[in-house]
Amino acid sequence: MTRYINGWCEKGKVMGVSESRKLAFEATASMLLGCDFSQAQMNSMMGCMQVMVENFFTLPIDLPGLGFHRVSQVKPTTHKYLNIVNKLSSKHPSLLNLQK
Protein backbone atom coordinates (compact mmCIF):
# COMPACT_ATOMS: atom_id res chain seq x y z
CA MET A 1 0.00 0.00 0.00
CA THR A 2 2.87 2.33 0.81
CA ARG A 3 4.29 1.74 -2.66
CA TYR A 4 1.04 2.94 -4.23
CA ILE A 5 0.76 6.03 -2.06
CA ASN A 6 4.39 6.98 -2.69
CA GLY A 7 3.84 6.50 -6.42
CA TRP A 8 0.78 8.72 -6.32
CA CYS A 9 2.73 11.43 -4.49
CA GLU A 10 5.50 11.29 -7.11
CA LYS A 11 3.05 11.56 -10.01
CA GLY A 12 1.20 14.51 -8.52
CA LYS A 13 -2.06 13.86 -10.38
CA VAL A 14 -3.57 10.40 -10.64
CA MET A 15 -6.81 8.92 -11.87
CA GLY A 16 -8.39 8.10 -8.51
CA VAL A 17 -10.83 5.41 -9.61
CA SER A 18 -8.39 3.39 -11.70
CA GLU A 19 -5.55 3.69 -9.18
CA SER A 20 -7.87 2.70 -6.30
CA ARG A 21 -9.09 -0.24 -8.37
CA LYS A 22 -5.48 -1.38 -8.93
CA LEU A 23 -4.70 -1.08 -5.23
CA ALA A 24 -7.83 -2.99 -4.22
CA PHE A 25 -7.19 -5.73 -6.80
CA GLU A 26 -3.57 -6.21 -5.75
CA ALA A 27 -4.47 -6.27 -2.05
CA THR A 28 -7.28 -8.75 -2.64
CA ALA A 29 -5.16 -10.99 -4.88
CA SER A 30 -2.29 -11.07 -2.43
CA MET A 31 -4.57 -11.75 0.54
CA LEU A 32 -6.75 -14.37 -1.14
CA LEU A 33 -4.09 -16.05 -3.24
CA GLY A 34 -1.24 -15.52 -0.83
CA CYS A 35 1.25 -14.74 -3.61
CA ASP A 36 3.17 -11.69 -4.69
CA PHE A 37 3.00 -11.38 -8.44
CA SER A 38 5.10 -9.05 -10.56
CA GLN A 39 3.53 -5.81 -11.73
CA ALA A 40 3.23 -7.20 -15.28
CA GLN A 41 1.45 -10.32 -14.02
CA MET A 42 -0.82 -8.24 -11.81
CA ASN A 43 -1.76 -5.99 -14.76
CA SER A 44 -2.45 -9.06 -16.89
CA MET A 45 -4.66 -10.63 -14.21
CA MET A 46 -6.49 -7.36 -13.67
CA GLY A 47 -7.18 -7.05 -17.40
CA CYS A 48 -8.49 -10.61 -17.54
CA MET A 49 -10.70 -10.05 -14.52
CA GLN A 50 -12.08 -6.82 -16.00
CA VAL A 51 -13.01 -8.59 -19.25
CA MET A 52 -14.69 -11.39 -17.29
CA VAL A 53 -16.65 -9.03 -15.05
CA GLU A 54 -17.76 -6.78 -17.93
CA ASN A 55 -19.04 -9.80 -19.87
CA PHE A 56 -20.45 -11.82 -16.98
CA PHE A 57 -24.02 -11.68 -18.28
CA THR A 58 -23.70 -12.45 -21.96
CA LEU A 59 -25.19 -14.82 -24.46
CA PRO A 60 -23.16 -18.02 -24.81
CA ILE A 61 -22.49 -17.45 -28.49
CA ASP A 62 -18.85 -17.69 -29.51
CA LEU A 63 -18.65 -15.07 -32.25
CA PRO A 64 -15.84 -12.49 -32.51
CA GLY A 65 -16.89 -9.21 -30.95
CA LEU A 66 -19.34 -10.73 -28.48
CA GLY A 67 -18.67 -10.93 -24.75
CA PHE A 68 -18.55 -14.72 -24.62
CA HIS A 69 -15.78 -14.75 -27.22
CA ARG A 70 -13.79 -12.12 -25.28
CA VAL A 71 -14.08 -14.16 -22.09
CA SER A 72 -12.99 -17.32 -23.90
CA GLN A 73 -9.89 -15.41 -25.08
CA VAL A 74 -8.78 -14.50 -21.52
CA LYS A 75 -9.75 -17.84 -19.98
CA PRO A 76 -6.37 -19.55 -20.70
CA THR A 77 -4.49 -16.68 -19.03
CA THR A 78 -6.73 -16.88 -15.98
CA HIS A 79 -6.18 -20.64 -15.77
CA LYS A 80 -2.41 -20.12 -16.04
CA TYR A 81 -2.36 -17.87 -12.98
CA LEU A 82 -4.67 -20.14 -11.01
CA ASN A 83 -2.41 -23.10 -11.80
CA ILE A 84 0.58 -21.13 -10.47
CA VAL A 85 -1.28 -20.50 -7.23
CA ASN A 86 -2.39 -24.13 -7.04
CA LYS A 87 1.17 -25.41 -7.47
CA LEU A 88 2.49 -23.01 -4.85
CA SER A 89 -0.23 -23.94 -2.39
CA SER A 90 0.38 -27.68 -2.84
CA LYS A 91 4.13 -27.26 -2.26
CA HIS A 92 3.75 -24.73 0.56
CA PRO A 93 0.32 -25.09 2.22
CA SER A 94 1.28 -22.56 4.90
CA LEU A 95 1.20 -19.81 2.23
CA LEU A 96 -2.57 -20.02 2.06
CA ASN A 97 -3.09 -21.32 5.59
CA LEU A 98 -4.04 -24.73 4.21
CA GLN A 99 -3.51 -27.89 6.17
CA LYS A 100 -3.01 -31.31 4.61
PDB file of N, CA and C in Angstrom:
ATOM      1  N   MET A   1       0.827  -1.172   0.000  1.00  0.00           N
ATOM      2  CA  MET A   1       0.000   0.000   0.000  1.00  0.00           C
ATOM      3  C   MET A   1       0.883   1.252   0.000  1.00  0.00           C
ATOM      4  N   THR A   2       1.957   1.197   0.744  1.00  0.00           N
ATOM      5  CA  THR A   2       2.869   2.333   0.811  1.00  0.00           C
ATOM      6  C   THR A   2       3.452   2.633  -0.563  1.00  0.00           C
ATOM      7  N   ARG A   3       3.744   1.574  -1.313  1.00  0.00           N
ATOM      8  CA  ARG A   3       4.290   1.740  -2.662  1.00  0.00           C
ATOM      9  C   ARG A   3       3.321   2.533  -3.536  1.00  0.00           C
ATOM     10  N   TYR A   4       2.038   2.226  -3.440  1.00  0.00           N
ATOM     11  CA  TYR A   4       1.040   2.941  -4.233  1.00  0.00           C
ATOM     12  C   TYR A   4       0.956   4.414  -3.820  1.00  0.00           C
ATOM     13  N   ILE A   5       0.891   4.661  -2.537  1.00  0.00           N
ATOM     14  CA  ILE A   5       0.757   6.033  -2.059  1.00  0.00           C
ATOM     15  C   ILE A   5       1.986   6.856  -2.434  1.00  0.00           C
ATOM     16  N   ASN A   6       3.173   6.272  -2.288  1.00  0.00           N
ATOM     17  CA  ASN A   6       4.390   6.983  -2.691  1.00  0.00           C
ATOM     18  C   ASN A   6       4.394   7.260  -4.189  1.00  0.00           C
ATOM     19  N   GLY A   7       3.929   6.298  -4.971  1.00  0.00           N
ATOM     20  CA  GLY A   7       3.839   6.497  -6.419  1.00  0.00           C
ATOM     21  C   GLY A   7       2.863   7.601  -6.778  1.00  0.00           C
ATOM     22  N   TRP A   8       1.760   7.676  -6.063  1.00  0.00           N
ATOM     23  CA  TRP A   8       0.778   8.724  -6.317  1.00  0.00           C
ATOM     24  C   TRP A   8       1.369  10.100  -5.983  1.00  0.00           C
ATOM     25  N   CYS A   9       2.121  10.159  -4.889  1.00  0.00           N
ATOM     26  CA  CYS A   9       2.729  11.434  -4.494  1.00  0.00           C
ATOM     27  C   CYS A   9       3.750  11.896  -5.532  1.00  0.00           C
ATOM     28  N   GLU A  10       4.503  10.946  -6.092  1.00  0.00           N
ATOM     29  CA  GLU A  10       5.503  11.293  -7.109  1.00  0.00           C
ATOM     30  C   GLU A  10       4.847  11.787  -8.397  1.00  0.00           C
ATOM     31  N   LYS A  11       3.726  11.169  -8.772  1.00  0.00           N
ATOM     32  CA  LYS A  11       3.045  11.558 -10.006  1.00  0.00           C
ATOM     33  C   LYS A  11       2.380  12.928  -9.884  1.00  0.00           C
ATOM     34  N   GLY A  12       1.910  13.245  -8.709  1.00  0.00           N
ATOM     35  CA  GLY A  12       1.200  14.511  -8.521  1.00  0.00           C
ATOM     36  C   GLY A  12      -0.287  14.345  -8.776  1.00  0.00           C
ATOM     37  N   LYS A  13      -0.653  14.085 -10.025  1.00  0.00           N
ATOM     38  CA  LYS A  13      -2.055  13.862 -10.376  1.00  0.00           C
ATOM     39  C   LYS A  13      -2.222  12.412 -10.795  1.00  0.00           C
ATOM     40  N   VAL A  14      -3.266  11.785 -10.280  1.00  0.00           N
ATOM     41  CA  VAL A  14      -3.569  10.402 -10.640  1.00  0.00           C
ATOM     42  C   VAL A  14      -5.068  10.269 -10.905  1.00  0.00           C
ATOM     43  N   MET A  15      -5.410   9.253 -11.644  1.00  0.00           N
ATOM     44  CA  MET A  15      -6.814   8.923 -11.869  1.00  0.00           C
ATOM     45  C   MET A  15      -7.270   8.092 -10.665  1.00  0.00           C
ATOM     46  N   GLY A  16      -8.029   8.703  -9.786  1.00  0.00           N
ATOM     47  CA  GLY A  16      -8.389   8.095  -8.513  1.00  0.00           C
ATOM     48  C   GLY A  16      -9.084   6.757  -8.617  1.00  0.00           C
ATOM     49  N   VAL A  17     -10.052   6.651  -9.513  1.00  0.00           N
ATOM     50  CA  VAL A  17     -10.828   5.415  -9.610  1.00  0.00           C
ATOM     51  C   VAL A  17      -9.951   4.264 -10.093  1.00  0.00           C
ATOM     52  N   SER A  18      -9.200   4.488 -11.163  1.00  0.00           N
ATOM     53  CA  SER A  18      -8.389   3.389 -11.703  1.00  0.00           C
ATOM     54  C   SER A  18      -7.256   3.012 -10.752  1.00  0.00           C
ATOM     55  N   GLU A  19      -6.638   3.985 -10.114  1.00  0.00           N
ATOM     56  CA  GLU A  19      -5.553   3.688  -9.177  1.00  0.00           C
ATOM     57  C   GLU A  19      -6.087   2.963  -7.936  1.00  0.00           C
ATOM     58  N   SER A  20      -7.255   3.376  -7.454  1.00  0.00           N
ATOM     59  CA  SER A  20      -7.868   2.700  -6.305  1.00  0.00           C
ATOM     60  C   SER A  20      -8.264   1.278  -6.672  1.00  0.00           C
ATOM     61  N   ARG A  21      -8.730   1.093  -7.898  1.00  0.00           N
ATOM     62  CA  ARG A  21      -9.090  -0.241  -8.373  1.00  0.00           C
ATOM     63  C   ARG A  21      -7.853  -1.147  -8.412  1.00  0.00           C
ATOM     64  N   LYS A  22      -6.733  -0.606  -8.895  1.00  0.00           N
ATOM     65  CA  LYS A  22      -5.482  -1.383  -8.932  1.00  0.00           C
ATOM     66  C   LYS A  22      -5.043  -1.770  -7.528  1.00  0.00           C
ATOM     67  N   LEU A  23      -5.091  -0.812  -6.618  1.00  0.00           N
ATOM     68  CA  LEU A  23      -4.702  -1.077  -5.235  1.00  0.00           C
ATOM     69  C   LEU A  23      -5.587  -2.146  -4.612  1.00  0.00           C
ATOM     70  N   ALA A  24      -6.895  -2.023  -4.790  1.00  0.00           N
ATOM     71  CA  ALA A  24      -7.829  -2.993  -4.217  1.00  0.00           C
ATOM     72  C   ALA A  24      -7.624  -4.381  -4.825  1.00  0.00           C
ATOM     73  N   PHE A  25      -7.394  -4.441  -6.147  1.00  0.00           N
ATOM     74  CA  PHE A  25      -7.191  -5.729  -6.802  1.00  0.00           C
ATOM     75  C   PHE A  25      -5.920  -6.393  -6.294  1.00  0.00           C
ATOM     76  N   GLU A  26      -4.837  -5.626  -6.205  1.00  0.00           N
ATOM     77  CA  GLU A  26      -3.573  -6.209  -5.746  1.00  0.00           C
ATOM     78  C   GLU A  26      -3.674  -6.677  -4.299  1.00  0.00           C
ATOM     79  N   ALA A  27      -4.312  -5.878  -3.452  1.00  0.00           N
ATOM     80  CA  ALA A  27      -4.469  -6.268  -2.053  1.00  0.00           C
ATOM     81  C   ALA A  27      -5.328  -7.524  -1.934  1.00  0.00           C
ATOM     82  N   THR A  28      -6.402  -7.581  -2.680  1.00  0.00           N
ATOM     83  CA  THR A  28      -7.278  -8.749  -2.644  1.00  0.00           C
ATOM     84  C   THR A  28      -6.570  -9.990  -3.175  1.00  0.00           C
ATOM     85  N   ALA A  29      -5.871  -9.842  -4.298  1.00  0.00           N
ATOM     86  CA  ALA A  29      -5.165 -10.988  -4.879  1.00  0.00           C
ATOM     87  C   ALA A  29      -4.088 -11.506  -3.936  1.00  0.00           C
ATOM     88  N   SER A  30      -3.346 -10.609  -3.327  1.00  0.00           N
ATOM     89  CA  SER A  30      -2.286 -11.074  -2.435  1.00  0.00           C
ATOM     90  C   SER A  30      -2.845 -11.693  -1.164  1.00  0.00           C
ATOM     91  N   MET A  31      -3.981 -11.172  -0.666  1.00  0.00           N
ATOM     92  CA  MET A  31      -4.574 -11.746   0.541  1.00  0.00           C
ATOM     93  C   MET A  31      -5.247 -13.083   0.254  1.00  0.00           C
ATOM     94  N   LEU A  32      -6.025 -13.139  -0.829  1.00  0.00           N
ATOM     95  CA  LEU A  32      -6.751 -14.370  -1.135  1.00  0.00           C
ATOM     96  C   LEU A  32      -5.865 -15.462  -1.711  1.00  0.00           C
ATOM     97  N   LEU A  33      -4.944 -15.074  -2.597  1.00  0.00           N
ATOM     98  CA  LEU A  33      -4.089 -16.054  -3.243  1.00  0.00           C
ATOM     99  C   LEU A  33      -2.802 -16.295  -2.477  1.00  0.00           C
ATOM    100  N   GLY A  34      -2.422 -15.349  -1.651  1.00  0.00           N
ATOM    101  CA  GLY A  34      -1.236 -15.521  -0.833  1.00  0.00           C
ATOM    102  C   GLY A  34       0.061 -15.455  -1.612  1.00  0.00           C
ATOM    103  N   CYS A  35       0.062 -14.828  -2.774  1.00  0.00           N
ATOM    104  CA  CYS A  35       1.252 -14.743  -3.607  1.00  0.00           C
ATOM    105  C   CYS A  35       1.518 -13.295  -3.983  1.00  0.00           C
ATOM    106  N   ASP A  36       2.789 -13.008  -4.186  1.00  0.00           N
ATOM    107  CA  ASP A  36       3.167 -11.693  -4.691  1.00  0.00           C
ATOM    108  C   ASP A  36       3.550 -11.848  -6.145  1.00  0.00           C
ATOM    109  N   PHE A  37       2.739 -11.311  -7.019  1.00  0.00           N
ATOM    110  CA  PHE A  37       3.001 -11.383  -8.444  1.00  0.00           C
ATOM    111  C   PHE A  37       3.743 -10.129  -8.879  1.00  0.00           C
ATOM    112  N   SER A  38       4.436 -10.226 -10.008  1.00  0.00           N
ATOM    113  CA  SER A  38       5.104  -9.048 -10.560  1.00  0.00           C
ATOM    114  C   SER A  38       4.045  -8.058 -11.038  1.00  0.00           C
ATOM    115  N   GLN A  39       4.473  -6.840 -11.282  1.00  0.00           N
ATOM    116  CA  GLN A  39       3.527  -5.815 -11.732  1.00  0.00           C
ATOM    117  C   GLN A  39       2.923  -6.192 -13.081  1.00  0.00           C
ATOM    118  N   ALA A  40       3.734  -6.781 -13.967  1.00  0.00           N
ATOM    119  CA  ALA A  40       3.230  -7.195 -15.282  1.00  0.00           C
ATOM    120  C   ALA A  40       2.175  -8.293 -15.133  1.00  0.00           C
ATOM    121  N   GLN A  41       2.433  -9.255 -14.255  1.00  0.00           N
ATOM    122  CA  GLN A  41       1.455 -10.320 -14.024  1.00  0.00           C
ATOM    123  C   GLN A  41       0.182  -9.758 -13.397  1.00  0.00           C
ATOM    124  N   MET A  42       0.343  -8.835 -12.469  1.00  0.00           N
ATOM    125  CA  MET A  42      -0.818  -8.237 -11.812  1.00  0.00           C
ATOM    126  C   MET A  42      -1.665  -7.468 -12.821  1.00  0.00           C
ATOM    127  N   ASN A  43      -1.026  -6.724 -13.727  1.00  0.00           N
ATOM    128  CA  ASN A  43      -1.757  -5.990 -14.761  1.00  0.00           C
ATOM    129  C   ASN A  43      -2.485  -6.950 -15.690  1.00  0.00           C
ATOM    130  N   SER A  44      -1.833  -8.057 -16.023  1.00  0.00           N
ATOM    131  CA  SER A  44      -2.453  -9.056 -16.891  1.00  0.00           C
ATOM    132  C   SER A  44      -3.679  -9.679 -16.216  1.00  0.00           C
ATOM    133  N   MET A  45      -3.527 -10.049 -14.937  1.00  0.00           N
ATOM    134  CA  MET A  45      -4.657 -10.630 -14.206  1.00  0.00           C
ATOM    135  C   MET A  45      -5.794  -9.637 -14.071  1.00  0.00           C
ATOM    136  N   MET A  46      -5.458  -8.387 -13.822  1.00  0.00           N
ATOM    137  CA  MET A  46      -6.489  -7.361 -13.672  1.00  0.00           C
ATOM    138  C   MET A  46      -7.250  -7.151 -14.979  1.00  0.00           C
ATOM    139  N   GLY A  47      -6.531  -7.168 -16.094  1.00  0.00           N
ATOM    140  CA  GLY A  47      -7.181  -7.051 -17.398  1.00  0.00           C
ATOM    141  C   GLY A  47      -8.112  -8.214 -17.673  1.00  0.00           C
ATOM    142  N   CYS A  48      -7.648  -9.419 -17.350  1.00  0.00           N
ATOM    143  CA  CYS A  48      -8.489 -10.610 -17.541  1.00  0.00           C
ATOM    144  C   CYS A  48      -9.741 -10.533 -16.687  1.00  0.00           C
ATOM    145  N   MET A  49      -9.558 -10.138 -15.428  1.00  0.00           N
ATOM    146  CA  MET A  49     -10.698 -10.047 -14.520  1.00  0.00           C
ATOM    147  C   MET A  49     -11.692  -8.997 -15.002  1.00  0.00           C
ATOM    148  N   GLN A  50     -11.187  -7.880 -15.511  1.00  0.00           N
ATOM    149  CA  GLN A  50     -12.075  -6.825 -15.998  1.00  0.00           C
ATOM    150  C   GLN A  50     -12.901  -7.316 -17.178  1.00  0.00           C
ATOM    151  N   VAL A  51     -12.284  -8.037 -18.101  1.00  0.00           N
ATOM    152  CA  VAL A  51     -13.015  -8.595 -19.248  1.00  0.00           C
ATOM    153  C   VAL A  51     -14.084  -9.566 -18.762  1.00  0.00           C
ATOM    154  N   MET A  52     -13.729 -10.403 -17.785  1.00  0.00           N
ATOM    155  CA  MET A  52     -14.688 -11.395 -17.289  1.00  0.00           C
ATOM    156  C   MET A  52     -15.865 -10.725 -16.574  1.00  0.00           C
ATOM    157  N   VAL A  53     -15.578  -9.713 -15.784  1.00  0.00           N
ATOM    158  CA  VAL A  53     -16.649  -9.027 -15.050  1.00  0.00           C
ATOM    159  C   VAL A  53     -17.562  -8.259 -16.004  1.00  0.00           C
ATOM    160  N   GLU A  54     -16.963  -7.561 -16.978  1.00  0.00           N
ATOM    161  CA  GLU A  54     -17.763  -6.778 -17.930  1.00  0.00           C
ATOM    162  C   GLU A  54     -18.672  -7.663 -18.788  1.00  0.00           C
ATOM    163  N   ASN A  55     -18.282  -8.898 -18.992  1.00  0.00           N
ATOM    164  CA  ASN A  55     -19.045  -9.795 -19.865  1.00  0.00           C
ATOM    165  C   ASN A  55     -19.653 -10.963 -19.101  1.00  0.00           C
ATOM    166  N   PHE A  56     -19.916 -10.747 -17.815  1.00  0.00           N
ATOM    167  CA  PHE A  56     -20.450 -11.822 -16.984  1.00  0.00           C
ATOM    168  C   PHE A  56     -21.827 -12.288 -17.472  1.00  0.00           C
ATOM    169  N   PHE A  57     -22.696 -11.349 -17.778  1.00  0.00           N
ATOM    170  CA  PHE A  57     -24.024 -11.679 -18.281  1.00  0.00           C
ATOM    171  C   PHE A  57     -24.030 -11.469 -19.789  1.00  0.00           C
ATOM    172  N   THR A  58     -23.750 -12.523 -20.507  1.00  0.00           N
ATOM    173  CA  THR A  58     -23.696 -12.445 -21.956  1.00  0.00           C
ATOM    174  C   THR A  58     -24.265 -13.724 -22.553  1.00  0.00           C
ATOM    175  N   LEU A  59     -24.682 -13.633 -23.777  1.00  0.00           N
ATOM    176  CA  LEU A  59     -25.191 -14.818 -24.459  1.00  0.00           C
ATOM    177  C   LEU A  59     -24.038 -15.772 -24.760  1.00  0.00           C
ATOM    178  N   PRO A  60     -24.248 -17.058 -24.547  1.00  0.00           N
ATOM    179  CA  PRO A  60     -23.162 -18.023 -24.806  1.00  0.00           C
ATOM    180  C   PRO A  60     -23.000 -18.332 -26.297  1.00  0.00           C
ATOM    181  N   ILE A  61     -22.701 -17.301 -27.046  1.00  0.00           N
ATOM    182  CA  ILE A  61     -22.487 -17.450 -28.487  1.00  0.00           C
ATOM    183  C   ILE A  61     -21.049 -17.019 -28.759  1.00  0.00           C
ATOM    184  N   ASP A  62     -20.272 -17.947 -29.309  1.00  0.00           N
ATOM    185  CA  ASP A  62     -18.851 -17.693 -29.512  1.00  0.00           C
ATOM    186  C   ASP A  62     -18.598 -17.089 -30.887  1.00  0.00           C
ATOM    187  N   LEU A  63     -18.911 -15.810 -31.020  1.00  0.00           N
ATOM    188  CA  LEU A  63     -18.651 -15.066 -32.252  1.00  0.00           C
ATOM    189  C   LEU A  63     -17.731 -13.894 -31.923  1.00  0.00           C
ATOM    190  N   PRO A  64     -16.737 -13.624 -32.776  1.00  0.00           N
ATOM    191  CA  PRO A  64     -15.843 -12.488 -32.513  1.00  0.00           C
ATOM    192  C   PRO A  64     -16.635 -11.198 -32.294  1.00  0.00           C
ATOM    193  N   GLY A  65     -16.234 -10.457 -31.278  1.00  0.00           N
ATOM    194  CA  GLY A  65     -16.891  -9.208 -30.953  1.00  0.00           C
ATOM    195  C   GLY A  65     -17.906  -9.328 -29.827  1.00  0.00           C
ATOM    196  N   LEU A  66     -18.386 -10.531 -29.575  1.00  0.00           N
ATOM    197  CA  LEU A  66     -19.344 -10.729 -28.484  1.00  0.00           C
ATOM    198  C   LEU A  66     -18.603 -11.024 -27.183  1.00  0.00           C
ATOM    199  N   GLY A  67     -19.276 -10.763 -26.066  1.00  0.00           N
ATOM    200  CA  GLY A  67     -18.665 -10.929 -24.753  1.00  0.00           C
ATOM    201  C   GLY A  67     -18.177 -12.333 -24.473  1.00  0.00           C
ATOM    202  N   PHE A  68     -18.947 -13.332 -24.870  1.00  0.00           N
ATOM    203  CA  PHE A  68     -18.554 -14.720 -24.619  1.00  0.00           C
ATOM    204  C   PHE A  68     -17.227 -15.035 -25.293  1.00  0.00           C
ATOM    205  N   HIS A  69     -17.028 -14.524 -26.487  1.00  0.00           N
ATOM    206  CA  HIS A  69     -15.781 -14.747 -27.218  1.00  0.00           C
ATOM    207  C   HIS A  69     -14.611 -14.053 -26.502  1.00  0.00           C
ATOM    208  N   ARG A  70     -14.840 -12.839 -26.003  1.00  0.00           N
ATOM    209  CA  ARG A  70     -13.787 -12.123 -25.278  1.00  0.00           C
ATOM    210  C   ARG A  70     -13.378 -12.866 -24.019  1.00  0.00           C
ATOM    211  N   VAL A  71     -14.374 -13.392 -23.304  1.00  0.00           N
ATOM    212  CA  VAL A  71     -14.076 -14.156 -22.091  1.00  0.00           C
ATOM    213  C   VAL A  71     -13.316 -15.432 -22.437  1.00  0.00           C
ATOM    214  N   SER A  72     -13.700 -16.094 -23.521  1.00  0.00           N
ATOM    215  CA  SER A  72     -12.991 -17.321 -23.900  1.00  0.00           C
ATOM    216  C   SER A  72     -11.551 -17.030 -24.305  1.00  0.00           C
ATOM    217  N   GLN A  73     -11.263 -15.789 -24.726  1.00  0.00           N
ATOM    218  CA  GLN A  73      -9.892 -15.409 -25.083  1.00  0.00           C
ATOM    219  C   GLN A  73      -9.015 -15.221 -23.843  1.00  0.00           C
ATOM    220  N   VAL A  74      -9.574 -14.730 -22.740  1.00  0.00           N
ATOM    221  CA  VAL A  74      -8.781 -14.502 -21.523  1.00  0.00           C
ATOM    222  C   VAL A  74      -8.797 -15.704 -20.584  1.00  0.00           C
ATOM    223  N   LYS A  75      -9.632 -16.670 -20.844  1.00  0.00           N
ATOM    224  CA  LYS A  75      -9.747 -17.839 -19.980  1.00  0.00           C
ATOM    225  C   LYS A  75      -8.420 -18.595 -19.819  1.00  0.00           C
ATOM    226  N   PRO A  76      -7.655 -18.851 -20.883  1.00  0.00           N
ATOM    227  CA  PRO A  76      -6.368 -19.553 -20.698  1.00  0.00           C
ATOM    228  C   PRO A  76      -5.388 -18.792 -19.786  1.00  0.00           C
ATOM    229  N   THR A  77      -5.373 -17.474 -19.889  1.00  0.00           N
ATOM    230  CA  THR A  77      -4.489 -16.684 -19.034  1.00  0.00           C
ATOM    231  C   THR A  77      -4.915 -16.804 -17.579  1.00  0.00           C
ATOM    232  N   THR A  78      -6.210 -16.741 -17.338  1.00  0.00           N
ATOM    233  CA  THR A  78      -6.730 -16.880 -15.980  1.00  0.00           C
ATOM    234  C   THR A  78      -6.374 -18.250 -15.418  1.00  0.00           C
ATOM    235  N   HIS A  79      -6.521 -19.290 -16.216  1.00  0.00           N
ATOM    236  CA  HIS A  79      -6.179 -20.640 -15.769  1.00  0.00           C
ATOM    237  C   HIS A  79      -4.686 -20.760 -15.467  1.00  0.00           C
ATOM    238  N   LYS A  80      -3.860 -20.083 -16.261  1.00  0.00           N
ATOM    239  CA  LYS A  80      -2.412 -20.124 -16.038  1.00  0.00           C
ATOM    240  C   LYS A  80      -2.077 -19.590 -14.654  1.00  0.00           C
ATOM    241  N   TYR A  81      -2.650 -18.449 -14.284  1.00  0.00           N
ATOM    242  CA  TYR A  81      -2.358 -17.869 -12.976  1.00  0.00           C
ATOM    243  C   TYR A  81      -2.938 -18.712 -11.845  1.00  0.00           C
ATOM    244  N   LEU A  82      -4.104 -19.277 -12.045  1.00  0.00           N
ATOM    245  CA  LEU A  82      -4.674 -20.142 -11.009  1.00  0.00           C
ATOM    246  C   LEU A  82      -3.856 -21.409 -10.826  1.00  0.00           C
ATOM    247  N   ASN A  83      -3.283 -21.933 -11.906  1.00  0.00           N
ATOM    248  CA  ASN A  83      -2.406 -23.098 -11.797  1.00  0.00           C
ATOM    249  C   ASN A  83      -1.132 -22.763 -11.033  1.00  0.00           C
ATOM    250  N   ILE A  84      -0.602 -21.559 -11.231  1.00  0.00           N
ATOM    251  CA  ILE A  84       0.583 -21.132 -10.471  1.00  0.00           C
ATOM    252  C   ILE A  84       0.260 -21.129  -8.986  1.00  0.00           C
ATOM    253  N   VAL A  85      -0.874 -20.557  -8.632  1.00  0.00           N
ATOM    254  CA  VAL A  85      -1.277 -20.498  -7.230  1.00  0.00           C
ATOM    255  C   VAL A  85      -1.511 -21.898  -6.686  1.00  0.00           C
ATOM    256  N   ASN A  86      -2.127 -22.766  -7.475  1.00  0.00           N
ATOM    257  CA  ASN A  86      -2.395 -24.128  -7.043  1.00  0.00           C
ATOM    258  C   ASN A  86      -1.097 -24.887  -6.778  1.00  0.00           C
ATOM    259  N   LYS A  87      -0.117 -24.738  -7.666  1.00  0.00           N
ATOM    260  CA  LYS A  87       1.170 -25.415  -7.473  1.00  0.00           C
ATOM    261  C   LYS A  87       1.878 -24.894  -6.228  1.00  0.00           C
ATOM    262  N   LEU A  88       1.854 -23.577  -6.046  1.00  0.00           N
ATOM    263  CA  LEU A  88       2.485 -23.006  -4.855  1.00  0.00           C
ATOM    264  C   LEU A  88       1.807 -23.485  -3.576  1.00  0.00           C
ATOM    265  N   SER A  89       0.484 -23.535  -3.595  1.00  0.00           N
ATOM    266  CA  SER A  89      -0.235 -23.936  -2.386  1.00  0.00           C
ATOM    267  C   SER A  89      -0.036 -25.410  -2.076  1.00  0.00           C
ATOM    268  N   SER A  90       0.158 -26.259  -3.110  1.00  0.00           N
ATOM    269  CA  SER A  90       0.378 -27.680  -2.836  1.00  0.00           C
ATOM    270  C   SER A  90       1.787 -27.924  -2.313  1.00  0.00           C
ATOM    271  N   LYS A  91       2.755 -27.113  -2.747  1.00  0.00           N
ATOM    272  CA  LYS A  91       4.129 -27.258  -2.258  1.00  0.00           C
ATOM    273  C   LYS A  91       4.314 -26.610  -0.899  1.00  0.00           C
ATOM    274  N   HIS A  92       3.625 -25.497  -0.685  1.00  0.00           N
ATOM    275  CA  HIS A  92       3.753 -24.732   0.560  1.00  0.00           C
ATOM    276  C   HIS A  92       2.373 -24.394   1.100  1.00  0.00           C
ATOM    277  N   PRO A  93       1.692 -25.355   1.738  1.00  0.00           N
ATOM    278  CA  PRO A  93       0.320 -25.090   2.218  1.00  0.00           C
ATOM    279  C   PRO A  93       0.236 -23.951   3.219  1.00  0.00           C
ATOM    280  N   SER A  94       1.330 -23.637   3.905  1.00  0.00           N
ATOM    281  CA  SER A  94       1.283 -22.565   4.896  1.00  0.00           C
ATOM    282  C   SER A  94       1.094 -21.201   4.231  1.00  0.00           C
ATOM    283  N   LEU A  95       1.395 -21.089   2.927  1.00  0.00           N
ATOM    284  CA  LEU A  95       1.202 -19.811   2.228  1.00  0.00           C
ATOM    285  C   LEU A  95      -0.256 -19.379   2.241  1.00  0.00           C
ATOM    286  N   LEU A  96      -1.145 -20.326   2.110  1.00  0.00           N
ATOM    287  CA  LEU A  96      -2.574 -20.015   2.064  1.00  0.00           C
ATOM    288  C   LEU A  96      -3.298 -20.488   3.321  1.00  0.00           C
ATOM    289  N   ASN A  97      -2.524 -20.804   4.351  1.00  0.00           N
ATOM    290  CA  ASN A  97      -3.085 -21.316   5.588  1.00  0.00           C
ATOM    291  C   ASN A  97      -3.891 -22.593   5.366  1.00  0.00           C
ATOM    292  N   LEU A  98      -3.386 -23.446   4.474  1.00  0.00           N
ATOM    293  CA  LEU A  98      -4.037 -24.728   4.208  1.00  0.00           C
ATOM    294  C   LEU A  98      -3.341 -25.806   5.009  1.00  0.00           C
ATOM    295  N   GLN A  99      -4.098 -26.775   5.424  1.00  0.00           N
ATOM    296  CA  GLN A  99      -3.510 -27.891   6.167  1.00  0.00           C
ATOM    297  C   GLN A  99      -3.808 -29.165   5.404  1.00  0.00           C
ATOM    298  N   LYS A 100      -2.801 -30.015   5.303  1.00  0.00           N
ATOM    299  CA  LYS A 100      -3.009 -31.306   4.609  1.00  0.00           C
ATOM    300  C   LYS A 100      -3.158 -32.407   5.613  1.00  0.00           C
TER     301      LYS A 100
END
